[in-house]
Amino acid sequence: MDLFHYGIDHAKQAARVEDKVANIIECLTYKVYRYINRGLFEADKITFKVMMCLKIMIKRGDISVADVNVFLKAGSAIDDRNKKFGWMEQKTWLNLVALSRHKFEGEHQPFFKEIIERI
């Protein structure tokens, strides 16, 4: 209840109820974020921040779950043994292939389509 009252007392004032509720949610979200971040080991803080950032961006519609998955899983689902570069590890090659094929949210063609040719 203390956290709830904190949100009501410290959120930005607004004339409309909808805006006030949104401000309270924003205030409480930040407060919970700070509580969690304070309790993490230093090595885990960046991972937590990236997870929070990606989740917020997904909820706002800035990126899609598929966009996040291409960065998390990348080439692990691809079977392509036609590696063009002998100096590059197979795992790195598969990640590049996945990145070159992926169409990000709102894009009509892959943004990194030419990445392999440019390397």
Foldseek 3Di string as FASTA:
>chain_A
DVLQVCLLVPFDDDDDPVVSVVRSVVVSVVVVLVVVLVPDDPVCNVVVVVVVVVVVCCVVVVWHPVVVCCVVCAQVPDDDPPDPDPVDDPVVSSNLVSQLADAIPPGPGRPCVCVVVVD
